[in-house]
All heavy atoms as atom14 arrays in JSON, in Angstrom:
{
  "sequence": "FQVVGTYAQTELGHGTHLRGLETTATYDPATQEFVLNSPTVSSIKWW",
  "atom14_mask": [
    [1, 1, 1, 1, 1, 1, 1, 1, 1, 1, 1, 0, 0, 0],
    [1, 1, 1, 1, 1, 1, 1, 1, 1, 0, 0, 0, 0, 0],
    [1, 1, 1, 1, 1, 1, 1, 0, 0, 0, 0, 0, 0, 0],
    [1, 1, 1, 1, 1, 1, 1, 0, 0, 0, 0, 0, 0, 0],
    [1, 1, 1, 1, 0, 0, 0, 0, 0, 0, 0, 0, 0, 0],
    [1, 1, 1, 1, 1, 1, 1, 0, 0, 0, 0, 0, 0, 0],
    [1, 1, 1, 1, 1, 1, 1, 1, 1, 1, 1, 1, 0, 0],
    [1, 1, 1, 1, 1, 0, 0, 0, 0, 0, 0, 0, 0, 0],
    [1, 1, 1, 1, 1, 1, 1, 1, 1, 0, 0, 0, 0, 0],
    [1, 1, 1, 1, 1, 1, 1, 0, 0, 0, 0, 0, 0, 0],
    [1, 1, 1, 1, 1, 1, 1, 1, 1, 0, 0, 0, 0, 0],
    [1, 1, 1, 1, 1, 1, 1, 1, 0, 0, 0, 0, 0, 0],
    [1, 1, 1, 1, 0, 0, 0, 0, 0, 0, 0, 0, 0, 0],
    [1, 1, 1, 1, 1, 1, 1, 1, 1, 1, 0, 0, 0, 0],
    [1, 1, 1, 1, 0, 0, 0, 0, 0, 0, 0, 0, 0, 0],
    [1, 1, 1, 1, 1, 1, 1, 0, 0, 0, 0, 0, 0, 0],
    [1, 1, 1, 1, 1, 1, 1, 1, 1, 1, 0, 0, 0, 0],
    [1, 1, 1, 1, 1, 1, 1, 1, 0, 0, 0, 0, 0, 0],
    [1, 1, 1, 1, 1, 1, 1, 1, 1, 1, 1, 0, 0, 0],
    [1, 1, 1, 1, 0, 0, 0, 0, 0, 0, 0, 0, 0, 0],
    [1, 1, 1, 1, 1, 1, 1, 1, 0, 0, 0, 0, 0, 0],
    [1, 1, 1, 1, 1, 1, 1, 1, 1, 0, 0, 0, 0, 0],
    [1, 1, 1, 1, 1, 1, 1, 0, 0, 0, 0, 0, 0, 0],
    [1, 1, 1, 1, 1, 1, 1, 0, 0, 0, 0, 0, 0, 0],
    [1, 1, 1, 1, 1, 0, 0, 0, 0, 0, 0, 0, 0, 0],
    [1, 1, 1, 1, 1, 1, 1, 0, 0, 0, 0, 0, 0, 0],
    [1, 1, 1, 1, 1, 1, 1, 1, 1, 1, 1, 1, 0, 0],
    [1, 1, 1, 1, 1, 1, 1, 1, 0, 0, 0, 0, 0, 0],
    [1, 1, 1, 1, 1, 1, 1, 0, 0, 0, 0, 0, 0, 0],
    [1, 1, 1, 1, 1, 0, 0, 0, 0, 0, 0, 0, 0, 0],
    [1, 1, 1, 1, 1, 1, 1, 0, 0, 0, 0, 0, 0, 0],
    [1, 1, 1, 1, 1, 1, 1, 1, 1, 0, 0, 0, 0, 0],
    [1, 1, 1, 1, 1, 1, 1, 1, 1, 0, 0, 0, 0, 0],
    [1, 1, 1, 1, 1, 1, 1, 1, 1, 1, 1, 0, 0, 0],
    [1, 1, 1, 1, 1, 1, 1, 0, 0, 0, 0, 0, 0, 0],
    [1, 1, 1, 1, 1, 1, 1, 1, 0, 0, 0, 0, 0, 0],
    [1, 1, 1, 1, 1, 1, 1, 1, 0, 0, 0, 0, 0, 0],
    [1, 1, 1, 1, 1, 1, 0, 0, 0, 0, 0, 0, 0, 0],
    [1, 1, 1, 1, 1, 1, 1, 0, 0, 0, 0, 0, 0, 0],
    [1, 1, 1, 1, 1, 1, 1, 0, 0, 0, 0, 0, 0, 0],
    [1, 1, 1, 1, 1, 1, 1, 0, 0, 0, 0, 0, 0, 0],
    [1, 1, 1, 1, 1, 1, 0, 0, 0, 0, 0, 0, 0, 0],
    [1, 1, 1, 1, 1, 1, 0, 0, 0, 0, 0, 0, 0, 0],
    [1, 1, 1, 1, 1, 1, 1, 1, 0, 0, 0, 0, 0, 0],
    [1, 1, 1, 1, 1, 1, 1, 1, 1, 0, 0, 0, 0, 0],
    [1, 1, 1, 1, 1, 1, 1, 1, 1, 1, 1, 1, 1, 1],
    [1, 1, 1, 1, 1, 1, 1, 1, 1, 1, 1, 1, 1, 1]
  ],
  "atom14_positions": [
    [[-7.73, -9.14, -20.24], [-7.49, -10.02, -19.09], [-6.08, -10.61, -19.08], [-5.85, -11.62, -18.42], [-8.55, -11.12, -19.02], [-9.95, -10.57, -18.99], [-10.73, -10.55, -20.12], [-10.46, -10.03, -17.81], [-12.01, -10.01, -20.1], [-11.74, -9.49, -17.78], [-12.51, -9.48, -18.93], [0.0, 0.0, 0.0], [0.0, 0.0, 0.0], [0.0, 0.0, 0.0]],
    [[-5.15, -9.96, -19.8], [-3.74, -10.3, -19.59], [-3.34, -9.81, -18.2], [-2.58, -10.47, -17.5], [-2.88, -9.64, -20.66], [-3.16, -10.12, -22.08], [-2.35, -9.34, -23.08], [-1.12, -9.42, -23.1], [-3.03, -8.57, -23.93], [0.0, 0.0, 0.0], [0.0, 0.0, 0.0], [0.0, 0.0, 0.0], [0.0, 0.0, 0.0], [0.0, 0.0, 0.0]],
    [[-3.86, -8.64, -17.84], [-3.73, -8.13, -16.47], [-5.04, -8.41, -15.75], [-6.11, -7.99, -16.19], [-3.43, -6.62, -16.47], [-3.69, -6.02, -15.09], [-1.98, -6.37, -16.88], [0.0, 0.0, 0.0], [0.0, 0.0, 0.0], [0.0, 0.0, 0.0], [0.0, 0.0, 0.0], [0.0, 0.0, 0.0], [0.0, 0.0, 0.0], [0.0, 0.0, 0.0]],
    [[-4.95, -9.17, -14.66], [-6.1, -9.44, -13.81], [-5.84, -8.74, -12.48], [-4.83, -9.02, -11.82], [-6.31, -10.94, -13.6], [-7.48, -11.19, -12.65], [-6.55, -11.64, -14.93], [0.0, 0.0, 0.0], [0.0, 0.0, 0.0], [0.0, 0.0, 0.0], [0.0, 0.0, 0.0], [0.0, 0.0, 0.0], [0.0, 0.0, 0.0], [0.0, 0.0, 0.0]],
    [[-6.72, -7.82, -12.12], [-6.38, -6.95, -11.0], [-7.33, -7.0, -9.82], [-8.45, -7.51, -9.9], [0.0, 0.0, 0.0], [0.0, 0.0, 0.0], [0.0, 0.0, 0.0], [0.0, 0.0, 0.0], [0.0, 0.0, 0.0], [0.0, 0.0, 0.0], [0.0, 0.0, 0.0], [0.0, 0.0, 0.0], [0.0, 0.0, 0.0], [0.0, 0.0, 0.0]],
    [[-6.85, -6.45, -8.71], [-7.65, -6.28, -7.51], [-7.4, -4.87, -6.98], [-6.61, -4.12, -7.56], [-7.3, -7.34, -6.45], [-8.2, -7.22, -5.34], [-5.87, -7.19, -5.95], [0.0, 0.0, 0.0], [0.0, 0.0, 0.0], [0.0, 0.0, 0.0], [0.0, 0.0, 0.0], [0.0, 0.0, 0.0], [0.0, 0.0, 0.0], [0.0, 0.0, 0.0]],
    [[-8.08, -4.5, -5.9], [-8.01, -3.16, -5.34], [-7.6, -3.28, -3.88], [-8.41, -3.68, -3.03], [-9.37, -2.48, -5.48], [-9.38, -1.0, -5.19], [-9.04, -0.07, -6.17], [-9.75, -0.51, -3.94], [-9.08, 1.29, -5.92], [-9.79, 0.84, -3.66], [-9.46, 1.74, -4.66], [-9.49, 3.1, -4.4], [0.0, 0.0, 0.0], [0.0, 0.0, 0.0]],
    [[-6.35, -2.95, -3.59], [-5.78, -3.17, -2.25], [-5.78, -1.87, -1.46], [-4.86, -1.05, -1.58], [-4.37, -3.74, -2.36], [0.0, 0.0, 0.0], [0.0, 0.0, 0.0], [0.0, 0.0, 0.0], [0.0, 0.0, 0.0], [0.0, 0.0, 0.0], [0.0, 0.0, 0.0], [0.0, 0.0, 0.0], [0.0, 0.0, 0.0], [0.0, 0.0, 0.0]],
    [[-6.79, -1.7, -0.65], [-6.92, -0.5, 0.18], [-6.88, -0.84, 1.66], [-6.0, -0.39, 2.39], [-8.23, 0.21, -0.16], [-8.53, 1.41, 0.73], [-9.8, 2.11, 0.3], [-9.83, 2.74, -0.75], [-10.85, 1.99, 1.09], [0.0, 0.0, 0.0], [0.0, 0.0, 0.0], [0.0, 0.0, 0.0], [0.0, 0.0, 0.0], [0.0, 0.0, 0.0]],
    [[-7.8, -1.68, 2.12], [-7.91, -2.0, 3.54], [-6.67, -2.71, 4.06], [-6.08, -3.55, 3.38], [-9.15, -2.88, 3.77], [-10.31, -2.17, 3.36], [-9.28, -3.28, 5.22], [0.0, 0.0, 0.0], [0.0, 0.0, 0.0], [0.0, 0.0, 0.0], [0.0, 0.0, 0.0], [0.0, 0.0, 0.0], [0.0, 0.0, 0.0], [0.0, 0.0, 0.0]],
    [[-6.28, -2.36, 5.27], [-5.12, -2.98, 5.92], [-5.58, -3.68, 7.21], [-6.72, -3.49, 7.67], [-4.07, -1.93, 6.23], [-3.52, -1.26, 4.97], [-2.59, -0.08, 5.25], [-2.4, 0.27, 6.45], [-2.06, 0.48, 4.28], [0.0, 0.0, 0.0], [0.0, 0.0, 0.0], [0.0, 0.0, 0.0], [0.0, 0.0, 0.0], [0.0, 0.0, 0.0]],
    [[-4.68, -4.47, 7.77], [-5.0, -5.15, 9.04], [-5.43, -4.14, 10.11], [-6.35, -4.4, 10.88], [-3.78, -5.93, 9.53], [-3.7, -7.41, 9.16], [-2.38, -7.99, 9.6], [-4.84, -8.19, 9.81], [0.0, 0.0, 0.0], [0.0, 0.0, 0.0], [0.0, 0.0, 0.0], [0.0, 0.0, 0.0], [0.0, 0.0, 0.0], [0.0, 0.0, 0.0]],
    [[-4.75, -3.01, 10.16], [-5.0, -2.06, 11.24], [-5.96, -0.95, 10.92], [-6.42, -0.24, 11.82], [0.0, 0.0, 0.0], [0.0, 0.0, 0.0], [0.0, 0.0, 0.0], [0.0, 0.0, 0.0], [0.0, 0.0, 0.0], [0.0, 0.0, 0.0], [0.0, 0.0, 0.0], [0.0, 0.0, 0.0], [0.0, 0.0, 0.0], [0.0, 0.0, 0.0]],
    [[-6.3, -0.74, 9.64], [-7.2, 0.37, 9.27], [-8.05, -0.01, 8.08], [-7.57, -0.65, 7.13], [-6.41, 1.64, 8.93], [-5.76, 2.28, 10.11], [-4.47, 2.0, 10.5], [-6.24, 3.19, 11.01], [-4.17, 2.7, 11.58], [-5.23, 3.43, 11.91], [0.0, 0.0, 0.0], [0.0, 0.0, 0.0], [0.0, 0.0, 0.0], [0.0, 0.0, 0.0]],
    [[-9.31, 0.42, 8.13], [-10.22, 0.19, 7.01], [-10.9, 1.47, 6.61], [-10.43, 2.21, 5.74], [0.0, 0.0, 0.0], [0.0, 0.0, 0.0], [0.0, 0.0, 0.0], [0.0, 0.0, 0.0], [0.0, 0.0, 0.0], [0.0, 0.0, 0.0], [0.0, 0.0, 0.0], [0.0, 0.0, 0.0], [0.0, 0.0, 0.0], [0.0, 0.0, 0.0]],
    [[-12.0, 1.81, 7.28], [-12.77, 2.99, 6.92], [-11.98, 4.28, 7.14], [-12.13, 5.23, 6.37], [-14.07, 3.03, 7.75], [-14.8, 1.82, 7.49], [-14.93, 4.22, 7.37], [0.0, 0.0, 0.0], [0.0, 0.0, 0.0], [0.0, 0.0, 0.0], [0.0, 0.0, 0.0], [0.0, 0.0, 0.0], [0.0, 0.0, 0.0], [0.0, 0.0, 0.0]],
    [[-11.13, 4.32, 8.15], [-10.31, 5.52, 8.42], [-9.13, 5.54, 7.45], [-8.02, 5.1, 7.77], [-9.83, 5.53, 9.87], [-8.99, 6.71, 10.22], [-9.37, 8.01, 9.96], [-7.75, 6.8, 10.8], [-8.43, 8.84, 10.37], [-7.44, 8.13, 10.88], [0.0, 0.0, 0.0], [0.0, 0.0, 0.0], [0.0, 0.0, 0.0], [0.0, 0.0, 0.0]],
    [[-9.37, 6.07, 6.26], [-8.38, 5.97, 5.19], [-7.11, 6.75, 5.49], [-6.01, 6.33, 5.1], [-8.99, 6.46, 3.87], [-10.19, 5.64, 3.36], [-10.69, 6.2, 2.04], [-9.82, 4.17, 3.21], [0.0, 0.0, 0.0], [0.0, 0.0, 0.0], [0.0, 0.0, 0.0], [0.0, 0.0, 0.0], [0.0, 0.0, 0.0], [0.0, 0.0, 0.0]],
    [[-7.25, 7.87, 6.17], [-6.05, 8.67, 6.46], [-5.07, 7.91, 7.36], [-3.9, 8.26, 7.45], [-6.43, 10.01, 7.09], [-7.11, 10.97, 6.13], [-7.2, 12.37, 6.71], [-7.93, 12.41, 7.96], [-9.25, 12.51, 8.06], [-9.99, 12.54, 6.95], [-9.85, 12.57, 9.23], [0.0, 0.0, 0.0], [0.0, 0.0, 0.0], [0.0, 0.0, 0.0]],
    [[-5.58, 6.88, 8.05], [-4.72, 6.1, 8.93], [-3.96, 4.99, 8.24], [-3.14, 4.31, 8.88], [0.0, 0.0, 0.0], [0.0, 0.0, 0.0], [0.0, 0.0, 0.0], [0.0, 0.0, 0.0], [0.0, 0.0, 0.0], [0.0, 0.0, 0.0], [0.0, 0.0, 0.0], [0.0, 0.0, 0.0], [0.0, 0.0, 0.0], [0.0, 0.0, 0.0]],
    [[-4.19, 4.76, 6.93], [-3.48, 3.7, 6.22], [-1.97, 3.94, 6.29], [-1.51, 5.08, 6.18], [-3.94, 3.62, 4.76], [-5.4, 3.22, 4.54], [-5.72, 3.2, 3.05], [-5.73, 1.88, 5.16], [0.0, 0.0, 0.0], [0.0, 0.0, 0.0], [0.0, 0.0, 0.0], [0.0, 0.0, 0.0], [0.0, 0.0, 0.0], [0.0, 0.0, 0.0]],
    [[-1.2, 2.86, 6.43], [0.23, 2.99, 6.72], [1.16, 2.61, 5.56], [2.35, 2.9, 5.61], [0.59, 2.11, 7.92], [-0.15, 2.46, 9.21], [0.14, 1.46, 10.3], [1.2, 1.59, 10.95], [-0.67, 0.54, 10.49], [0.0, 0.0, 0.0], [0.0, 0.0, 0.0], [0.0, 0.0, 0.0], [0.0, 0.0, 0.0], [0.0, 0.0, 0.0]],
    [[0.66, 1.93, 4.54], [1.5, 1.55, 3.41], [2.12, 2.81, 2.8], [1.43, 3.83, 2.62], [0.67, 0.81, 2.35], [0.05, -0.32, 2.96], [1.54, 0.34, 1.2], [0.0, 0.0, 0.0], [0.0, 0.0, 0.0], [0.0, 0.0, 0.0], [0.0, 0.0, 0.0], [0.0, 0.0, 0.0], [0.0, 0.0, 0.0], [0.0, 0.0, 0.0]],
    [[3.4, 2.74, 2.49], [4.11, 3.91, 1.97], [4.58, 3.69, 0.54], [4.9, 2.57, 0.13], [5.33, 4.25, 2.84], [6.24, 3.14, 2.83], [4.92, 4.56, 4.27], [0.0, 0.0, 0.0], [0.0, 0.0, 0.0], [0.0, 0.0, 0.0], [0.0, 0.0, 0.0], [0.0, 0.0, 0.0], [0.0, 0.0, 0.0], [0.0, 0.0, 0.0]],
    [[4.61, 4.78, -0.22], [5.19, 4.8, -1.56], [6.13, 6.0, -1.63], [5.68, 7.15, -1.69], [4.11, 4.91, -2.63], [0.0, 0.0, 0.0], [0.0, 0.0, 0.0], [0.0, 0.0, 0.0], [0.0, 0.0, 0.0], [0.0, 0.0, 0.0], [0.0, 0.0, 0.0], [0.0, 0.0, 0.0], [0.0, 0.0, 0.0], [0.0, 0.0, 0.0]],
    [[7.42, 5.73, -1.56], [8.43, 6.79, -1.49], [9.1, 6.94, -2.85], [9.64, 5.97, -3.41], [9.48, 6.46, -0.42], [8.81, 6.23, 0.83], [10.48, 7.6, -0.27], [0.0, 0.0, 0.0], [0.0, 0.0, 0.0], [0.0, 0.0, 0.0], [0.0, 0.0, 0.0], [0.0, 0.0, 0.0], [0.0, 0.0, 0.0], [0.0, 0.0, 0.0]],
    [[9.09, 8.17, -3.37], [9.65, 8.39, -4.7], [11.17, 8.52, -4.65], [11.72, 9.24, -3.81], [9.05, 9.65, -5.33], [9.54, 9.88, -6.75], [9.21, 8.98, -7.76], [10.35, 10.97, -7.07], [9.67, 9.17, -9.06], [10.8, 11.17, -8.36], [10.46, 10.27, -9.35], [10.92, 10.46, -10.64], [0.0, 0.0, 0.0], [0.0, 0.0, 0.0]],
    [[11.84, 7.81, -5.56], [13.29, 7.84, -5.7], [13.63, 8.52, -7.02], [13.55, 7.9, -8.09], [13.85, 6.41, -5.68], [15.37, 6.38, -5.78], [15.99, 7.46, -5.93], [15.94, 5.27, -5.74], [0.0, 0.0, 0.0], [0.0, 0.0, 0.0], [0.0, 0.0, 0.0], [0.0, 0.0, 0.0], [0.0, 0.0, 0.0], [0.0, 0.0, 0.0]],
    [[14.01, 9.81, -7.0], [14.27, 10.52, -8.27], [15.49, 9.98, -9.02], [15.58, 10.14, -10.24], [14.5, 11.97, -7.83], [14.87, 11.89, -6.38], [14.18, 10.69, -5.84], [0.0, 0.0, 0.0], [0.0, 0.0, 0.0], [0.0, 0.0, 0.0], [0.0, 0.0, 0.0], [0.0, 0.0, 0.0], [0.0, 0.0, 0.0], [0.0, 0.0, 0.0]],
    [[16.4, 9.32, -8.32], [17.59, 8.79, -8.99], [17.23, 7.72, -10.01], [17.84, 7.62, -11.09], [18.57, 8.22, -7.95], [0.0, 0.0, 0.0], [0.0, 0.0, 0.0], [0.0, 0.0, 0.0], [0.0, 0.0, 0.0], [0.0, 0.0, 0.0], [0.0, 0.0, 0.0], [0.0, 0.0, 0.0], [0.0, 0.0, 0.0], [0.0, 0.0, 0.0]],
    [[16.22, 6.91, -9.69], [15.8, 5.84, -10.62], [14.42, 6.11, -11.22], [13.96, 5.33, -12.05], [15.75, 4.5, -9.87], [14.81, 4.59, -8.8], [17.12, 4.13, -9.32], [0.0, 0.0, 0.0], [0.0, 0.0, 0.0], [0.0, 0.0, 0.0], [0.0, 0.0, 0.0], [0.0, 0.0, 0.0], [0.0, 0.0, 0.0], [0.0, 0.0, 0.0]],
    [[13.79, 7.21, -10.8], [12.42, 7.54, -11.2], [11.48, 6.36, -10.92], [10.71, 5.93, -11.77], [12.37, 7.95, -12.69], [13.13, 9.23, -12.96], [12.85, 9.8, -14.34], [11.81, 9.54, -14.94], [13.78, 10.6, -14.85], [0.0, 0.0, 0.0], [0.0, 0.0, 0.0], [0.0, 0.0, 0.0], [0.0, 0.0, 0.0], [0.0, 0.0, 0.0]],
    [[11.56, 5.88, -9.68], [10.72, 4.77, -9.25], [10.09, 5.11, -7.9], [10.62, 5.93, -7.13], [11.54, 3.49, -9.08], [12.09, 2.93, -10.38], [13.0, 1.74, -10.13], [13.83, 1.83, -9.19], [12.88, 0.73, -10.85], [0.0, 0.0, 0.0], [0.0, 0.0, 0.0], [0.0, 0.0, 0.0], [0.0, 0.0, 0.0], [0.0, 0.0, 0.0]],
    [[8.98, 4.45, -7.63], [8.4, 4.47, -6.29], [8.79, 3.19, -5.57], [8.78, 2.1, -6.15], [6.87, 4.57, -6.35], [6.36, 5.89, -6.84], [5.91, 6.03, -8.15], [6.31, 6.98, -6.0], [5.45, 7.24, -8.61], [5.84, 8.21, -6.45], [5.41, 8.35, -7.76], [0.0, 0.0, 0.0], [0.0, 0.0, 0.0], [0.0, 0.0, 0.0]],
    [[9.14, 3.33, -4.3], [9.48, 2.17, -3.47], [8.34, 1.97, -2.47], [8.1, 2.83, -1.62], [10.82, 2.38, -2.73], [11.18, 1.12, -1.95], [11.92, 2.76, -3.71], [0.0, 0.0, 0.0], [0.0, 0.0, 0.0], [0.0, 0.0, 0.0], [0.0, 0.0, 0.0], [0.0, 0.0, 0.0], [0.0, 0.0, 0.0], [0.0, 0.0, 0.0]],
    [[7.65, 0.84, -2.6], [6.49, 0.58, -1.75], [6.85, -0.36, -0.62], [7.56, -1.35, -0.84], [5.33, -0.01, -2.57], [4.54, 1.03, -3.37], [5.17, 1.27, -4.73], [3.09, 0.61, -3.53], [0.0, 0.0, 0.0], [0.0, 0.0, 0.0], [0.0, 0.0, 0.0], [0.0, 0.0, 0.0], [0.0, 0.0, 0.0], [0.0, 0.0, 0.0]],
    [[6.34, -0.03, 0.57], [6.64, -0.82, 1.75], [5.43, -0.96, 2.66], [4.58, -0.06, 2.75], [7.78, -0.19, 2.55], [9.14, -0.66, 2.07], [9.47, -1.84, 2.18], [9.92, 0.27, 1.51], [0.0, 0.0, 0.0], [0.0, 0.0, 0.0], [0.0, 0.0, 0.0], [0.0, 0.0, 0.0], [0.0, 0.0, 0.0], [0.0, 0.0, 0.0]],
    [[5.4, -2.1, 3.33], [4.46, -2.32, 4.44], [5.3, -2.22, 5.71], [5.91, -3.21, 6.15], [3.8, -3.7, 4.34], [3.17, -3.86, 3.1], [0.0, 0.0, 0.0], [0.0, 0.0, 0.0], [0.0, 0.0, 0.0], [0.0, 0.0, 0.0], [0.0, 0.0, 0.0], [0.0, 0.0, 0.0], [0.0, 0.0, 0.0], [0.0, 0.0, 0.0]],
    [[5.38, -1.04, 6.33], [6.35, -0.82, 7.41], [6.01, -1.5, 8.73], [6.89, -1.65, 9.58], [6.36, 0.71, 7.57], [5.01, 1.13, 7.09], [4.63, 0.19, 5.99], [0.0, 0.0, 0.0], [0.0, 0.0, 0.0], [0.0, 0.0, 0.0], [0.0, 0.0, 0.0], [0.0, 0.0, 0.0], [0.0, 0.0, 0.0], [0.0, 0.0, 0.0]],
    [[4.74, -1.9, 8.92], [4.33, -2.52, 10.18], [3.44, -3.73, 9.86], [2.95, -3.88, 8.74], [3.52, -1.54, 11.05], [2.33, -1.18, 10.34], [4.32, -0.27, 11.35], [0.0, 0.0, 0.0], [0.0, 0.0, 0.0], [0.0, 0.0, 0.0], [0.0, 0.0, 0.0], [0.0, 0.0, 0.0], [0.0, 0.0, 0.0], [0.0, 0.0, 0.0]],
    [[3.22, -4.55, 10.87], [2.29, -5.67, 10.69], [0.89, -5.15, 10.37], [0.18, -5.69, 9.51], [2.26, -6.55, 11.96], [1.14, -7.59, 11.86], [3.59, -7.23, 12.17], [0.0, 0.0, 0.0], [0.0, 0.0, 0.0], [0.0, 0.0, 0.0], [0.0, 0.0, 0.0], [0.0, 0.0, 0.0], [0.0, 0.0, 0.0], [0.0, 0.0, 0.0]],
    [[0.48, -4.08, 11.05], [-0.86, -3.54, 10.83], [-1.03, -2.91, 9.46], [-2.15, -2.62, 9.04], [-1.2, -2.52, 11.92], [-0.25, -1.47, 11.95], [0.0, 0.0, 0.0], [0.0, 0.0, 0.0], [0.0, 0.0, 0.0], [0.0, 0.0, 0.0], [0.0, 0.0, 0.0], [0.0, 0.0, 0.0], [0.0, 0.0, 0.0], [0.0, 0.0, 0.0]],
    [[0.08, -2.69, 8.73], [-0.02, -2.08, 7.4], [-0.18, -3.11, 6.29], [-0.31, -2.75, 5.11], [1.23, -1.24, 7.11], [2.37, -2.07, 6.96], [0.0, 0.0, 0.0], [0.0, 0.0, 0.0], [0.0, 0.0, 0.0], [0.0, 0.0, 0.0], [0.0, 0.0, 0.0], [0.0, 0.0, 0.0], [0.0, 0.0, 0.0], [0.0, 0.0, 0.0]],
    [[-0.17, -4.39, 6.62], [-0.35, -5.43, 5.6], [-1.75, -5.31, 5.01], [-2.74, -5.24, 5.74], [-0.15, -6.84, 6.21], [1.3, -7.0, 6.69], [-0.49, -7.93, 5.21], [1.54, -8.27, 7.5], [0.0, 0.0, 0.0], [0.0, 0.0, 0.0], [0.0, 0.0, 0.0], [0.0, 0.0, 0.0], [0.0, 0.0, 0.0], [0.0, 0.0, 0.0]],
    [[-1.83, -5.26, 3.69], [-3.13, -5.19, 3.03], [-3.91, -6.47, 3.32], [-3.36, -7.58, 3.25], [-2.96, -5.0, 1.52], [-2.29, -3.68, 1.12], [-3.14, -2.48, 1.49], [-2.5, -1.17, 1.04], [-3.29, 0.01, 1.45], [0.0, 0.0, 0.0], [0.0, 0.0, 0.0], [0.0, 0.0, 0.0], [0.0, 0.0, 0.0], [0.0, 0.0, 0.0]],
    [[-5.2, -6.31, 3.61], [-6.01, -7.44, 4.07], [-7.42, -7.31, 3.52], [-7.99, -6.23, 3.53], [-6.06, -7.42, 5.61], [-6.37, -8.74, 6.25], [-7.6, -9.19, 6.64], [-5.45, -9.77, 6.61], [-7.49, -10.44, 7.22], [-6.19, -10.82, 7.22], [-4.07, -9.91, 6.49], [-5.6, -11.98, 7.71], [-3.47, -11.06, 6.97], [-4.23, -12.1, 7.57]],
    [[-7.94, -8.37, 2.98], [-9.32, -8.5, 2.49], [-9.54, -8.33, 0.99], [-10.6, -8.72, 0.5], [-10.29, -7.54, 3.21], [-10.69, -7.97, 4.58], [-10.36, -7.36, 5.75], [-11.48, -9.11, 4.95], [-10.9, -8.04, 6.83], [-11.59, -9.12, 6.35], [-12.1, -10.12, 4.22], [-12.31, -10.09, 7.05], [-12.82, -11.09, 4.92], [-12.91, -11.06, 6.32]]
  ]
}
């Protein structure tokens, strides 16, 4: 319990229709990192 976690799937604009989720994770090979974004208001994780 040093790490206390949750599961962020549902968004303001989409729930059951998973393919419609809008949150993005874009890989940057220069830094070997993923850049995560909520590109729209409806993509904000909710619930």
